[in-house]
N, C-alpha and C. Protein backbone atom coordinates (compact mmCIF):
# COMPACT_ATOMS: atom_id res chain seq x y z
N MET A 1 -18.75 39.69 10.25
CA MET A 1 -19.00 38.26 10.13
C MET A 1 -20.35 38.02 9.47
N THR A 2 -20.40 37.13 8.48
CA THR A 2 -21.65 36.85 7.80
C THR A 2 -22.59 36.07 8.71
N ALA A 3 -23.87 36.03 8.34
CA ALA A 3 -24.86 35.30 9.12
C ALA A 3 -24.51 33.81 9.18
N THR A 4 -24.00 33.29 8.07
CA THR A 4 -23.63 31.87 8.04
C THR A 4 -22.47 31.58 8.98
N ALA A 5 -21.45 32.44 8.94
CA ALA A 5 -20.31 32.27 9.84
C ALA A 5 -20.75 32.39 11.30
N LYS A 6 -21.64 33.33 11.56
CA LYS A 6 -22.15 33.52 12.91
C LYS A 6 -22.89 32.29 13.40
N PHE A 7 -23.68 31.68 12.51
CA PHE A 7 -24.41 30.46 12.89
C PHE A 7 -23.43 29.36 13.32
N TRP A 8 -22.42 29.09 12.48
CA TRP A 8 -21.48 28.01 12.79
C TRP A 8 -20.61 28.35 13.99
N ASP A 9 -20.29 29.62 14.17
CA ASP A 9 -19.57 30.04 15.37
C ASP A 9 -20.37 29.73 16.62
N GLY A 10 -21.68 29.97 16.52
CA GLY A 10 -22.54 29.78 17.67
C GLY A 10 -22.66 28.34 18.13
N ILE A 11 -22.43 27.39 17.21
CA ILE A 11 -22.56 25.98 17.59
C ILE A 11 -21.21 25.27 17.64
N ALA A 12 -20.11 26.01 17.50
CA ALA A 12 -18.79 25.39 17.40
C ALA A 12 -18.47 24.49 18.60
N GLU A 13 -18.69 24.99 19.81
CA GLU A 13 -18.38 24.21 21.01
C GLU A 13 -19.23 22.95 21.09
N LYS A 14 -20.52 23.09 20.80
CA LYS A 14 -21.42 21.93 20.82
C LYS A 14 -21.02 20.94 19.74
N TYR A 15 -20.68 21.45 18.57
CA TYR A 15 -20.25 20.60 17.45
C TYR A 15 -19.02 19.79 17.83
N ALA A 16 -18.09 20.44 18.51
CA ALA A 16 -16.84 19.77 18.92
C ALA A 16 -17.10 18.63 19.89
N ARG A 17 -18.13 18.79 20.71
CA ARG A 17 -18.45 17.75 21.71
C ARG A 17 -19.29 16.62 21.14
N SER A 18 -19.90 16.83 19.99
CA SER A 18 -20.82 15.83 19.44
C SER A 18 -20.06 14.65 18.83
N PRO A 19 -20.45 13.42 19.19
CA PRO A 19 -19.77 12.25 18.60
C PRO A 19 -20.19 12.06 17.14
N ILE A 20 -19.35 11.42 16.38
CA ILE A 20 -19.69 11.08 15.00
C ILE A 20 -20.81 10.05 15.02
N LYS A 21 -21.89 10.33 14.31
CA LYS A 21 -23.09 9.48 14.41
C LYS A 21 -22.90 8.12 13.76
N ASP A 22 -22.23 8.07 12.63
CA ASP A 22 -22.04 6.80 11.92
C ASP A 22 -20.54 6.60 11.71
N MET A 23 -19.90 6.02 12.72
CA MET A 23 -18.45 5.87 12.68
C MET A 23 -18.00 4.93 11.57
N THR A 24 -18.80 3.90 11.29
CA THR A 24 -18.43 2.95 10.23
C THR A 24 -18.36 3.65 8.88
N SER A 25 -19.36 4.48 8.59
CA SER A 25 -19.38 5.22 7.33
C SER A 25 -18.23 6.23 7.28
N TYR A 26 -17.99 6.90 8.40
CA TYR A 26 -16.91 7.89 8.46
C TYR A 26 -15.56 7.24 8.21
N GLU A 27 -15.31 6.09 8.83
CA GLU A 27 -14.04 5.40 8.64
C GLU A 27 -13.90 4.90 7.20
N HIS A 28 -15.01 4.50 6.59
CA HIS A 28 -14.96 4.10 5.18
C HIS A 28 -14.56 5.28 4.31
N THR A 29 -15.11 6.45 4.61
CA THR A 29 -14.77 7.66 3.86
C THR A 29 -13.29 7.99 4.02
N LEU A 30 -12.78 7.90 5.24
CA LEU A 30 -11.36 8.15 5.47
C LEU A 30 -10.49 7.16 4.71
N GLU A 31 -10.90 5.91 4.71
CA GLU A 31 -10.13 4.87 4.01
C GLU A 31 -10.08 5.12 2.51
N ARG A 32 -11.25 5.45 1.92
CA ARG A 32 -11.28 5.72 0.49
C ARG A 32 -10.44 6.96 0.16
N THR A 33 -10.53 7.98 1.01
CA THR A 33 -9.77 9.20 0.78
C THR A 33 -8.28 8.94 0.88
N ALA A 34 -7.88 8.25 1.93
CA ALA A 34 -6.45 7.96 2.15
C ALA A 34 -5.85 7.16 1.01
N SER A 35 -6.67 6.35 0.34
CA SER A 35 -6.15 5.52 -0.76
C SER A 35 -5.68 6.36 -1.93
N TYR A 36 -6.13 7.61 -2.01
CA TYR A 36 -5.72 8.50 -3.09
C TYR A 36 -4.55 9.42 -2.69
N LEU A 37 -4.19 9.44 -1.43
CA LEU A 37 -3.18 10.38 -0.95
C LEU A 37 -1.78 9.80 -1.04
N LYS A 38 -0.82 10.71 -1.26
CA LYS A 38 0.59 10.32 -1.35
C LYS A 38 1.40 11.11 -0.31
N PRO A 39 2.51 10.55 0.14
CA PRO A 39 3.30 11.19 1.21
C PRO A 39 3.74 12.62 0.89
N HIS A 40 3.92 12.96 -0.39
CA HIS A 40 4.40 14.30 -0.74
C HIS A 40 3.25 15.28 -1.00
N ASP A 41 2.00 14.84 -0.88
CA ASP A 41 0.85 15.68 -1.24
C ASP A 41 0.66 16.87 -0.30
N HIS A 42 0.24 17.98 -0.89
CA HIS A 42 -0.25 19.14 -0.14
C HIS A 42 -1.76 19.17 -0.33
N VAL A 43 -2.49 19.12 0.77
CA VAL A 43 -3.94 18.94 0.74
C VAL A 43 -4.63 20.18 1.29
N LEU A 44 -5.72 20.57 0.64
CA LEU A 44 -6.58 21.65 1.11
C LEU A 44 -7.90 21.04 1.56
N GLU A 45 -8.27 21.29 2.82
CA GLU A 45 -9.61 20.88 3.26
C GLU A 45 -10.50 22.10 3.37
N LEU A 46 -11.66 22.00 2.78
CA LEU A 46 -12.67 23.06 2.80
C LEU A 46 -13.76 22.67 3.78
N GLY A 47 -14.17 23.62 4.62
CA GLY A 47 -15.20 23.31 5.61
C GLY A 47 -14.72 22.26 6.60
N CYS A 48 -13.57 22.50 7.20
CA CYS A 48 -12.93 21.50 8.06
C CYS A 48 -13.59 21.32 9.41
N GLY A 49 -14.52 22.24 9.77
CA GLY A 49 -15.11 22.14 11.10
C GLY A 49 -14.05 22.28 12.17
N THR A 50 -14.06 21.37 13.13
CA THR A 50 -13.09 21.46 14.23
C THR A 50 -11.83 20.65 13.95
N GLY A 51 -11.63 20.22 12.70
CA GLY A 51 -10.34 19.67 12.30
C GLY A 51 -10.14 18.18 12.44
N THR A 52 -11.16 17.44 12.83
CA THR A 52 -10.99 16.00 13.07
C THR A 52 -10.45 15.27 11.85
N THR A 53 -11.06 15.51 10.69
CA THR A 53 -10.64 14.81 9.47
C THR A 53 -9.23 15.20 9.05
N ALA A 54 -8.94 16.49 9.07
CA ALA A 54 -7.60 16.96 8.70
C ALA A 54 -6.53 16.31 9.57
N LEU A 55 -6.79 16.23 10.86
CA LEU A 55 -5.81 15.67 11.79
C LEU A 55 -5.64 14.17 11.59
N LYS A 56 -6.71 13.48 11.23
CA LYS A 56 -6.63 12.04 10.99
C LYS A 56 -5.88 11.72 9.69
N LEU A 57 -6.03 12.58 8.68
CA LEU A 57 -5.39 12.32 7.40
C LEU A 57 -3.95 12.85 7.34
N ALA A 58 -3.56 13.62 8.32
CA ALA A 58 -2.25 14.30 8.29
C ALA A 58 -1.08 13.34 8.18
N THR A 59 -1.21 12.15 8.73
CA THR A 59 -0.10 11.20 8.69
C THR A 59 0.14 10.65 7.29
N ASN A 60 -0.82 10.85 6.37
CA ASN A 60 -0.71 10.31 5.02
C ASN A 60 -0.06 11.26 4.03
N VAL A 61 0.13 12.53 4.43
CA VAL A 61 0.56 13.55 3.46
C VAL A 61 1.63 14.45 4.06
N ALA A 62 2.17 15.33 3.20
CA ALA A 62 3.21 16.26 3.67
C ALA A 62 2.61 17.42 4.46
N ARG A 63 1.46 17.92 3.99
CA ARG A 63 0.88 19.10 4.62
C ARG A 63 -0.61 19.19 4.34
N VAL A 64 -1.36 19.68 5.33
CA VAL A 64 -2.79 19.94 5.17
C VAL A 64 -3.06 21.39 5.56
N VAL A 65 -3.74 22.12 4.69
CA VAL A 65 -4.26 23.44 5.03
C VAL A 65 -5.76 23.27 5.25
N ALA A 66 -6.19 23.39 6.49
CA ALA A 66 -7.59 23.15 6.85
C ALA A 66 -8.30 24.49 7.01
N THR A 67 -9.39 24.69 6.28
CA THR A 67 -10.09 25.97 6.29
C THR A 67 -11.55 25.81 6.67
N ASP A 68 -12.08 26.86 7.26
CA ASP A 68 -13.50 26.89 7.61
C ASP A 68 -13.94 28.34 7.70
N LEU A 69 -15.22 28.55 7.44
CA LEU A 69 -15.79 29.89 7.49
C LEU A 69 -15.85 30.43 8.92
N SER A 70 -15.93 29.53 9.89
CA SER A 70 -16.13 29.91 11.29
C SER A 70 -14.81 30.06 12.06
N PRO A 71 -14.50 31.25 12.57
CA PRO A 71 -13.31 31.42 13.41
C PRO A 71 -13.35 30.53 14.65
N GLY A 72 -14.55 30.28 15.17
CA GLY A 72 -14.69 29.42 16.35
C GLY A 72 -14.26 28.00 16.06
N MET A 73 -14.67 27.47 14.91
CA MET A 73 -14.26 26.13 14.51
C MET A 73 -12.74 26.06 14.34
N ILE A 74 -12.19 27.08 13.69
CA ILE A 74 -10.74 27.11 13.46
C ILE A 74 -9.97 27.16 14.78
N ARG A 75 -10.47 27.94 15.71
CA ARG A 75 -9.82 28.05 17.02
C ARG A 75 -9.77 26.68 17.72
N ILE A 76 -10.85 25.94 17.65
CA ILE A 76 -10.90 24.60 18.27
C ILE A 76 -9.95 23.66 17.53
N GLY A 77 -9.92 23.74 16.21
CA GLY A 77 -9.02 22.89 15.43
C GLY A 77 -7.57 23.12 15.79
N LYS A 78 -7.17 24.37 15.94
CA LYS A 78 -5.79 24.69 16.32
C LYS A 78 -5.46 24.11 17.69
N HIS A 79 -6.40 24.20 18.60
CA HIS A 79 -6.20 23.67 19.95
C HIS A 79 -6.02 22.15 19.91
N LYS A 80 -6.84 21.46 19.10
CA LYS A 80 -6.74 20.01 18.99
C LYS A 80 -5.40 19.61 18.38
N ALA A 81 -4.95 20.35 17.37
CA ALA A 81 -3.67 20.03 16.74
C ALA A 81 -2.53 20.18 17.74
N ALA A 82 -2.59 21.23 18.55
CA ALA A 82 -1.55 21.45 19.56
C ALA A 82 -1.56 20.33 20.60
N GLU A 83 -2.74 19.92 21.01
CA GLU A 83 -2.86 18.85 22.00
C GLU A 83 -2.28 17.53 21.47
N LEU A 84 -2.52 17.27 20.18
CA LEU A 84 -2.07 16.01 19.58
C LEU A 84 -0.62 16.08 19.09
N GLY A 85 -0.05 17.28 19.08
CA GLY A 85 1.32 17.44 18.60
C GLY A 85 1.44 17.28 17.09
N VAL A 86 0.37 17.60 16.36
CA VAL A 86 0.39 17.50 14.90
C VAL A 86 0.91 18.83 14.34
N ASP A 87 2.03 18.78 13.62
CA ASP A 87 2.65 20.03 13.16
C ASP A 87 2.58 20.24 11.64
N ASN A 88 1.92 19.33 10.92
CA ASN A 88 1.82 19.52 9.47
C ASN A 88 0.40 19.88 9.02
N VAL A 89 -0.40 20.36 9.96
CA VAL A 89 -1.73 20.87 9.65
C VAL A 89 -1.81 22.32 10.10
N SER A 90 -2.14 23.21 9.17
CA SER A 90 -2.36 24.61 9.52
C SER A 90 -3.83 24.95 9.31
N PHE A 91 -4.35 25.82 10.16
CA PHE A 91 -5.77 26.17 10.11
C PHE A 91 -5.92 27.63 9.71
N GLN A 92 -6.87 27.87 8.80
CA GLN A 92 -7.15 29.23 8.33
C GLN A 92 -8.65 29.46 8.21
N THR A 93 -9.09 30.66 8.58
CA THR A 93 -10.48 31.04 8.36
C THR A 93 -10.64 31.46 6.91
N ALA A 94 -11.48 30.76 6.17
CA ALA A 94 -11.66 31.07 4.74
C ALA A 94 -12.99 30.53 4.26
N ASP A 95 -13.62 31.26 3.36
CA ASP A 95 -14.85 30.84 2.70
C ASP A 95 -14.49 29.88 1.57
N VAL A 96 -15.34 28.89 1.33
CA VAL A 96 -15.08 27.94 0.26
C VAL A 96 -14.99 28.63 -1.10
N GLY A 97 -15.69 29.75 -1.24
CA GLY A 97 -15.64 30.51 -2.49
C GLY A 97 -14.39 31.34 -2.65
N LYS A 98 -13.61 31.48 -1.56
CA LYS A 98 -12.35 32.22 -1.60
C LYS A 98 -11.28 31.42 -0.86
N PRO A 99 -10.91 30.28 -1.42
CA PRO A 99 -9.93 29.43 -0.75
C PRO A 99 -8.54 30.07 -0.74
N PRO A 100 -7.65 29.59 0.11
CA PRO A 100 -6.30 30.15 0.17
C PRO A 100 -5.59 30.05 -1.17
N GLN A 101 -4.75 31.02 -1.45
CA GLN A 101 -3.95 30.97 -2.66
C GLN A 101 -2.90 29.87 -2.51
N GLY A 102 -2.65 29.20 -3.59
CA GLY A 102 -1.66 28.13 -3.55
C GLY A 102 -1.94 27.11 -4.62
N SER A 103 -1.12 26.09 -4.65
CA SER A 103 -1.28 25.03 -5.63
C SER A 103 -1.27 23.71 -4.88
N PHE A 104 -2.43 23.06 -4.83
CA PHE A 104 -2.60 21.86 -4.02
C PHE A 104 -2.72 20.62 -4.90
N ASP A 105 -2.30 19.49 -4.34
CA ASP A 105 -2.44 18.21 -5.03
C ASP A 105 -3.86 17.64 -4.88
N VAL A 106 -4.45 17.88 -3.72
CA VAL A 106 -5.78 17.34 -3.41
C VAL A 106 -6.57 18.38 -2.64
N ALA A 107 -7.85 18.49 -2.96
CA ALA A 107 -8.79 19.28 -2.15
C ALA A 107 -9.90 18.35 -1.67
N ILE A 108 -10.29 18.49 -0.41
CA ILE A 108 -11.35 17.66 0.13
C ILE A 108 -12.43 18.54 0.75
N ALA A 109 -13.66 18.07 0.66
CA ALA A 109 -14.79 18.80 1.23
C ALA A 109 -15.84 17.78 1.67
N PHE A 110 -15.97 17.58 2.97
CA PHE A 110 -16.91 16.59 3.48
C PHE A 110 -18.08 17.29 4.18
N ASN A 111 -19.29 16.87 3.83
CA ASN A 111 -20.52 17.41 4.44
C ASN A 111 -20.58 18.94 4.32
N LEU A 112 -20.22 19.44 3.14
CA LEU A 112 -20.12 20.87 2.94
C LEU A 112 -20.88 21.40 1.73
N LEU A 113 -20.76 20.76 0.59
CA LEU A 113 -21.22 21.35 -0.67
C LEU A 113 -22.70 21.70 -0.67
N HIS A 114 -23.52 20.93 0.04
CA HIS A 114 -24.96 21.24 0.09
C HIS A 114 -25.25 22.46 0.95
N LEU A 115 -24.23 22.99 1.63
CA LEU A 115 -24.39 24.18 2.47
C LEU A 115 -23.86 25.44 1.79
N VAL A 116 -23.37 25.30 0.57
CA VAL A 116 -22.75 26.43 -0.15
C VAL A 116 -23.77 27.06 -1.09
N GLU A 117 -23.99 28.37 -0.95
CA GLU A 117 -25.02 29.03 -1.76
C GLU A 117 -24.62 29.14 -3.23
N ASP A 118 -23.47 29.68 -3.53
CA ASP A 118 -23.02 29.80 -4.92
C ASP A 118 -22.06 28.65 -5.20
N LEU A 119 -22.63 27.47 -5.31
CA LEU A 119 -21.79 26.27 -5.42
C LEU A 119 -21.05 26.22 -6.74
N GLU A 120 -21.69 26.62 -7.82
CA GLU A 120 -21.04 26.57 -9.12
C GLU A 120 -19.75 27.40 -9.14
N ALA A 121 -19.81 28.63 -8.63
CA ALA A 121 -18.63 29.50 -8.58
C ALA A 121 -17.58 28.93 -7.63
N SER A 122 -18.02 28.39 -6.51
CA SER A 122 -17.09 27.84 -5.54
C SER A 122 -16.32 26.64 -6.11
N LEU A 123 -17.01 25.80 -6.87
CA LEU A 123 -16.34 24.65 -7.49
C LEU A 123 -15.28 25.11 -8.49
N ARG A 124 -15.56 26.18 -9.19
CA ARG A 124 -14.55 26.71 -10.12
C ARG A 124 -13.33 27.22 -9.36
N GLN A 125 -13.56 27.82 -8.19
CA GLN A 125 -12.44 28.28 -7.37
C GLN A 125 -11.61 27.11 -6.85
N VAL A 126 -12.28 26.04 -6.45
CA VAL A 126 -11.57 24.84 -6.00
C VAL A 126 -10.70 24.30 -7.14
N HIS A 127 -11.28 24.25 -8.33
CA HIS A 127 -10.56 23.79 -9.51
C HIS A 127 -9.28 24.62 -9.72
N ALA A 128 -9.39 25.93 -9.51
CA ALA A 128 -8.26 26.83 -9.74
C ALA A 128 -7.13 26.61 -8.73
N THR A 129 -7.44 26.11 -7.54
CA THR A 129 -6.40 25.91 -6.52
C THR A 129 -5.58 24.64 -6.75
N LEU A 130 -6.07 23.75 -7.61
CA LEU A 130 -5.42 22.45 -7.78
C LEU A 130 -4.38 22.47 -8.89
N LYS A 131 -3.36 21.67 -8.71
CA LYS A 131 -2.37 21.46 -9.76
C LYS A 131 -3.02 20.68 -10.90
N PRO A 132 -2.45 20.73 -12.09
CA PRO A 132 -2.97 19.90 -13.19
C PRO A 132 -3.02 18.43 -12.77
N GLY A 133 -4.16 17.80 -12.98
CA GLY A 133 -4.33 16.41 -12.57
C GLY A 133 -4.67 16.24 -11.10
N GLY A 134 -4.82 17.35 -10.37
CA GLY A 134 -5.14 17.28 -8.94
C GLY A 134 -6.52 16.68 -8.71
N LEU A 135 -6.74 16.21 -7.47
CA LEU A 135 -7.98 15.52 -7.13
C LEU A 135 -8.87 16.37 -6.23
N PHE A 136 -10.16 16.24 -6.44
CA PHE A 136 -11.16 16.84 -5.56
C PHE A 136 -12.02 15.70 -5.02
N ILE A 137 -11.99 15.53 -3.71
CA ILE A 137 -12.73 14.45 -3.04
C ILE A 137 -13.79 15.07 -2.14
N SER A 138 -15.04 14.71 -2.38
CA SER A 138 -16.13 15.30 -1.60
C SER A 138 -17.11 14.23 -1.14
N LYS A 139 -17.76 14.52 -0.03
CA LYS A 139 -18.88 13.70 0.43
C LYS A 139 -20.00 14.66 0.77
N THR A 140 -21.14 14.49 0.11
CA THR A 140 -22.18 15.51 0.12
C THR A 140 -23.55 14.89 0.27
N PHE A 141 -24.39 15.53 1.09
CA PHE A 141 -25.78 15.11 1.19
C PHE A 141 -26.49 15.38 -0.12
N CYS A 142 -27.16 14.37 -0.66
CA CYS A 142 -27.94 14.52 -1.88
C CYS A 142 -29.39 14.12 -1.61
N ALA A 143 -30.31 14.93 -2.09
CA ALA A 143 -31.74 14.67 -1.88
C ALA A 143 -32.17 13.44 -2.65
N GLN A 144 -33.09 12.70 -2.07
CA GLN A 144 -33.66 11.53 -2.72
C GLN A 144 -34.98 11.89 -3.37
N SER A 145 -35.22 11.38 -4.57
CA SER A 145 -36.46 11.71 -5.28
C SER A 145 -37.69 11.22 -4.53
N ASN A 146 -37.57 10.13 -3.81
CA ASN A 146 -38.69 9.61 -3.00
C ASN A 146 -38.30 9.67 -1.52
N GLY A 147 -38.06 10.88 -1.04
CA GLY A 147 -37.57 11.08 0.32
C GLY A 147 -38.50 10.52 1.38
N SER A 148 -37.90 10.18 2.52
CA SER A 148 -38.66 9.64 3.64
C SER A 148 -39.55 10.71 4.26
N LEU A 149 -40.43 10.27 5.15
CA LEU A 149 -41.31 11.21 5.86
C LEU A 149 -40.48 12.20 6.67
N LYS A 150 -39.40 11.72 7.29
CA LYS A 150 -38.52 12.59 8.07
C LYS A 150 -37.89 13.64 7.17
N TYR A 151 -37.45 13.23 6.00
CA TYR A 151 -36.83 14.17 5.05
C TYR A 151 -37.82 15.24 4.62
N ARG A 152 -39.06 14.83 4.32
CA ARG A 152 -40.07 15.80 3.89
C ARG A 152 -40.43 16.76 5.02
N ALA A 153 -40.42 16.26 6.26
CA ALA A 153 -40.71 17.11 7.42
C ALA A 153 -39.62 18.16 7.60
N ILE A 154 -38.37 17.75 7.40
CA ILE A 154 -37.25 18.69 7.52
C ILE A 154 -37.38 19.81 6.51
N ARG A 155 -37.76 19.47 5.28
CA ARG A 155 -37.90 20.48 4.24
C ARG A 155 -39.00 21.49 4.57
N LEU A 156 -40.01 21.04 5.30
CA LEU A 156 -41.09 21.94 5.69
C LEU A 156 -40.67 22.86 6.84
N VAL A 157 -39.93 22.31 7.79
CA VAL A 157 -39.57 23.05 9.00
C VAL A 157 -38.36 23.96 8.77
N LEU A 158 -37.47 23.56 7.88
CA LEU A 158 -36.20 24.26 7.70
C LEU A 158 -36.35 25.76 7.43
N PRO A 159 -37.24 26.21 6.53
CA PRO A 159 -37.35 27.65 6.28
C PRO A 159 -37.68 28.46 7.53
N VAL A 160 -38.49 27.90 8.42
CA VAL A 160 -38.83 28.60 9.67
C VAL A 160 -37.60 28.71 10.56
N MET A 161 -36.84 27.62 10.66
CA MET A 161 -35.63 27.63 11.47
C MET A 161 -34.61 28.62 10.91
N GLN A 162 -34.50 28.67 9.59
CA GLN A 162 -33.57 29.62 8.96
C GLN A 162 -33.98 31.06 9.23
N LEU A 163 -35.28 31.31 9.23
CA LEU A 163 -35.80 32.65 9.47
C LEU A 163 -35.36 33.18 10.83
N PHE A 164 -35.25 32.28 11.81
CA PHE A 164 -34.88 32.68 13.16
C PHE A 164 -33.40 32.40 13.46
N GLY A 165 -32.62 32.13 12.42
CA GLY A 165 -31.19 31.92 12.61
C GLY A 165 -30.84 30.62 13.29
N ARG A 166 -31.74 29.63 13.23
CA ARG A 166 -31.51 28.36 13.91
C ARG A 166 -31.03 27.27 12.95
N ALA A 167 -30.88 27.59 11.69
CA ALA A 167 -30.41 26.61 10.70
C ALA A 167 -29.69 27.36 9.57
N PRO A 168 -28.70 26.73 8.96
CA PRO A 168 -27.96 27.36 7.87
C PRO A 168 -28.68 27.17 6.53
N TYR A 169 -28.16 27.78 5.50
CA TYR A 169 -28.64 27.54 4.14
C TYR A 169 -28.40 26.07 3.79
N VAL A 170 -29.35 25.44 3.13
CA VAL A 170 -29.20 24.06 2.67
C VAL A 170 -29.71 23.97 1.24
N ARG A 171 -28.90 23.37 0.38
CA ARG A 171 -29.29 23.17 -1.01
C ARG A 171 -29.72 21.72 -1.20
N PHE A 172 -30.95 21.52 -1.63
CA PHE A 172 -31.48 20.17 -1.83
C PHE A 172 -31.27 19.79 -3.30
N MET A 173 -30.18 19.12 -3.57
CA MET A 173 -29.85 18.73 -4.94
C MET A 173 -29.71 17.22 -5.02
N GLN A 174 -30.05 16.67 -6.15
CA GLN A 174 -29.92 15.25 -6.36
C GLN A 174 -28.53 14.91 -6.91
N GLU A 175 -28.19 13.63 -6.87
CA GLU A 175 -26.84 13.19 -7.22
C GLU A 175 -26.42 13.66 -8.61
N LYS A 176 -27.29 13.50 -9.58
CA LYS A 176 -26.95 13.85 -10.95
C LYS A 176 -26.67 15.35 -11.08
N GLU A 177 -27.43 16.17 -10.36
CA GLU A 177 -27.21 17.62 -10.40
C GLU A 177 -25.83 17.97 -9.86
N LEU A 178 -25.45 17.35 -8.74
CA LEU A 178 -24.14 17.61 -8.16
C LEU A 178 -23.03 17.15 -9.10
N GLU A 179 -23.16 15.97 -9.66
CA GLU A 179 -22.15 15.45 -10.56
C GLU A 179 -21.97 16.36 -11.77
N THR A 180 -23.08 16.87 -12.31
CA THR A 180 -23.02 17.77 -13.46
C THR A 180 -22.29 19.06 -13.12
N MET A 181 -22.55 19.61 -11.93
CA MET A 181 -21.88 20.85 -11.52
C MET A 181 -20.37 20.64 -11.38
N ILE A 182 -19.98 19.49 -10.82
CA ILE A 182 -18.55 19.20 -10.66
C ILE A 182 -17.89 19.06 -12.03
N GLU A 183 -18.55 18.39 -12.94
CA GLU A 183 -18.00 18.23 -14.28
C GLU A 183 -17.93 19.56 -15.02
N CYS A 184 -18.94 20.41 -14.85
CA CYS A 184 -18.94 21.72 -15.51
C CYS A 184 -17.85 22.64 -14.97
N ALA A 185 -17.40 22.37 -13.75
CA ALA A 185 -16.32 23.17 -13.15
C ALA A 185 -14.95 22.77 -13.69
N GLY A 186 -14.89 21.71 -14.51
CA GLY A 186 -13.63 21.31 -15.12
C GLY A 186 -13.04 20.02 -14.59
N PHE A 187 -13.87 19.19 -13.96
CA PHE A 187 -13.39 17.93 -13.39
C PHE A 187 -13.94 16.74 -14.18
N THR A 188 -13.21 15.63 -14.09
CA THR A 188 -13.69 14.35 -14.59
C THR A 188 -13.88 13.43 -13.41
N LEU A 189 -15.08 12.90 -13.24
CA LEU A 189 -15.37 12.01 -12.12
C LEU A 189 -14.70 10.66 -12.34
N ILE A 190 -14.00 10.18 -11.30
CA ILE A 190 -13.31 8.90 -11.41
C ILE A 190 -13.80 7.88 -10.38
N GLU A 191 -14.57 8.33 -9.40
CA GLU A 191 -15.18 7.37 -8.45
C GLU A 191 -16.47 7.96 -7.90
N ARG A 192 -17.48 7.11 -7.82
CA ARG A 192 -18.75 7.44 -7.19
C ARG A 192 -19.03 6.35 -6.17
N ASP A 193 -19.39 6.74 -4.95
CA ASP A 193 -19.57 5.74 -3.90
C ASP A 193 -20.58 6.22 -2.88
N SER A 194 -21.40 5.30 -2.41
CA SER A 194 -22.26 5.56 -1.25
C SER A 194 -22.08 4.41 -0.29
N PHE A 195 -21.75 4.71 0.94
CA PHE A 195 -21.57 3.67 1.95
C PHE A 195 -22.18 4.13 3.26
N PRO A 196 -23.16 3.39 3.80
CA PRO A 196 -23.80 2.23 3.17
C PRO A 196 -24.53 2.61 1.88
N ALA A 197 -24.98 1.63 1.14
CA ALA A 197 -25.52 1.86 -0.20
C ALA A 197 -26.68 2.85 -0.20
N LYS A 198 -27.48 2.86 0.85
CA LYS A 198 -28.64 3.73 0.90
C LYS A 198 -28.36 5.08 1.55
N ASP A 199 -27.09 5.34 1.87
CA ASP A 199 -26.72 6.60 2.50
C ASP A 199 -26.99 7.75 1.53
N ALA A 200 -27.61 8.82 2.02
CA ALA A 200 -27.90 9.97 1.15
C ALA A 200 -26.67 10.82 0.89
N ARG A 201 -25.58 10.53 1.59
CA ARG A 201 -24.33 11.29 1.39
C ARG A 201 -23.48 10.58 0.34
N ARG A 202 -23.16 11.30 -0.72
CA ARG A 202 -22.50 10.73 -1.89
C ARG A 202 -21.02 11.08 -1.88
N LEU A 203 -20.16 10.06 -1.93
CA LEU A 203 -18.71 10.28 -2.03
C LEU A 203 -18.34 10.33 -3.51
N LEU A 204 -17.72 11.43 -3.91
CA LEU A 204 -17.29 11.61 -5.30
C LEU A 204 -15.81 11.95 -5.33
N VAL A 205 -15.08 11.35 -6.26
CA VAL A 205 -13.68 11.66 -6.48
C VAL A 205 -13.56 12.15 -7.92
N ALA A 206 -12.98 13.32 -8.11
CA ALA A 206 -12.88 13.93 -9.43
C ALA A 206 -11.47 14.43 -9.67
N ARG A 207 -11.04 14.37 -10.92
CA ARG A 207 -9.70 14.80 -11.29
C ARG A 207 -9.77 16.07 -12.13
N LYS A 208 -8.90 17.03 -11.84
CA LYS A 208 -8.85 18.27 -12.62
C LYS A 208 -8.38 17.97 -14.03
N THR A 209 -9.13 18.48 -15.00
CA THR A 209 -8.78 18.25 -16.40
C THR A 209 -8.48 19.58 -17.08
């Protein structure tokens, strides 16, 4: 198990118990995502965590393959699906850079891309899993050029926490950098959204070209 997988495994139970901090923003993201989904779609979720999003979107599509690097997260997701009686979501342990083989209509990745070390290569792999014209929907933390005092403090403390295994890898990239990487991977951006407007997490919808 990699150090990154071990980190997320170690917090899986706590993560599962933690409430969503901004439910209004989360529901907006679900609404925007669902507007692109069709009943016959096969969807790949990358970095699914404990499966909350996959299970909520399952009613909109034919099938969801939910993946995460952490076996602990996947185990919790499977348990939640069984409890809810959701039978069109399958869970697999997989790295974003090595997604499951298949041909998907839509790939989604929420609160993930800034945690991926080789993001450029991973985006190319996501592109390869999609059917022609398939969609990639992501919501990603993007650094602000004039970050708050709290943001600057996190950047100072983070390397120390990482040194002791208390924090994962984090990539501090601005919106334009992320958009350029997605386009270079073979996508055309069709929607850009931040909700609320000052949210540092950027919702992007891109189509495979």
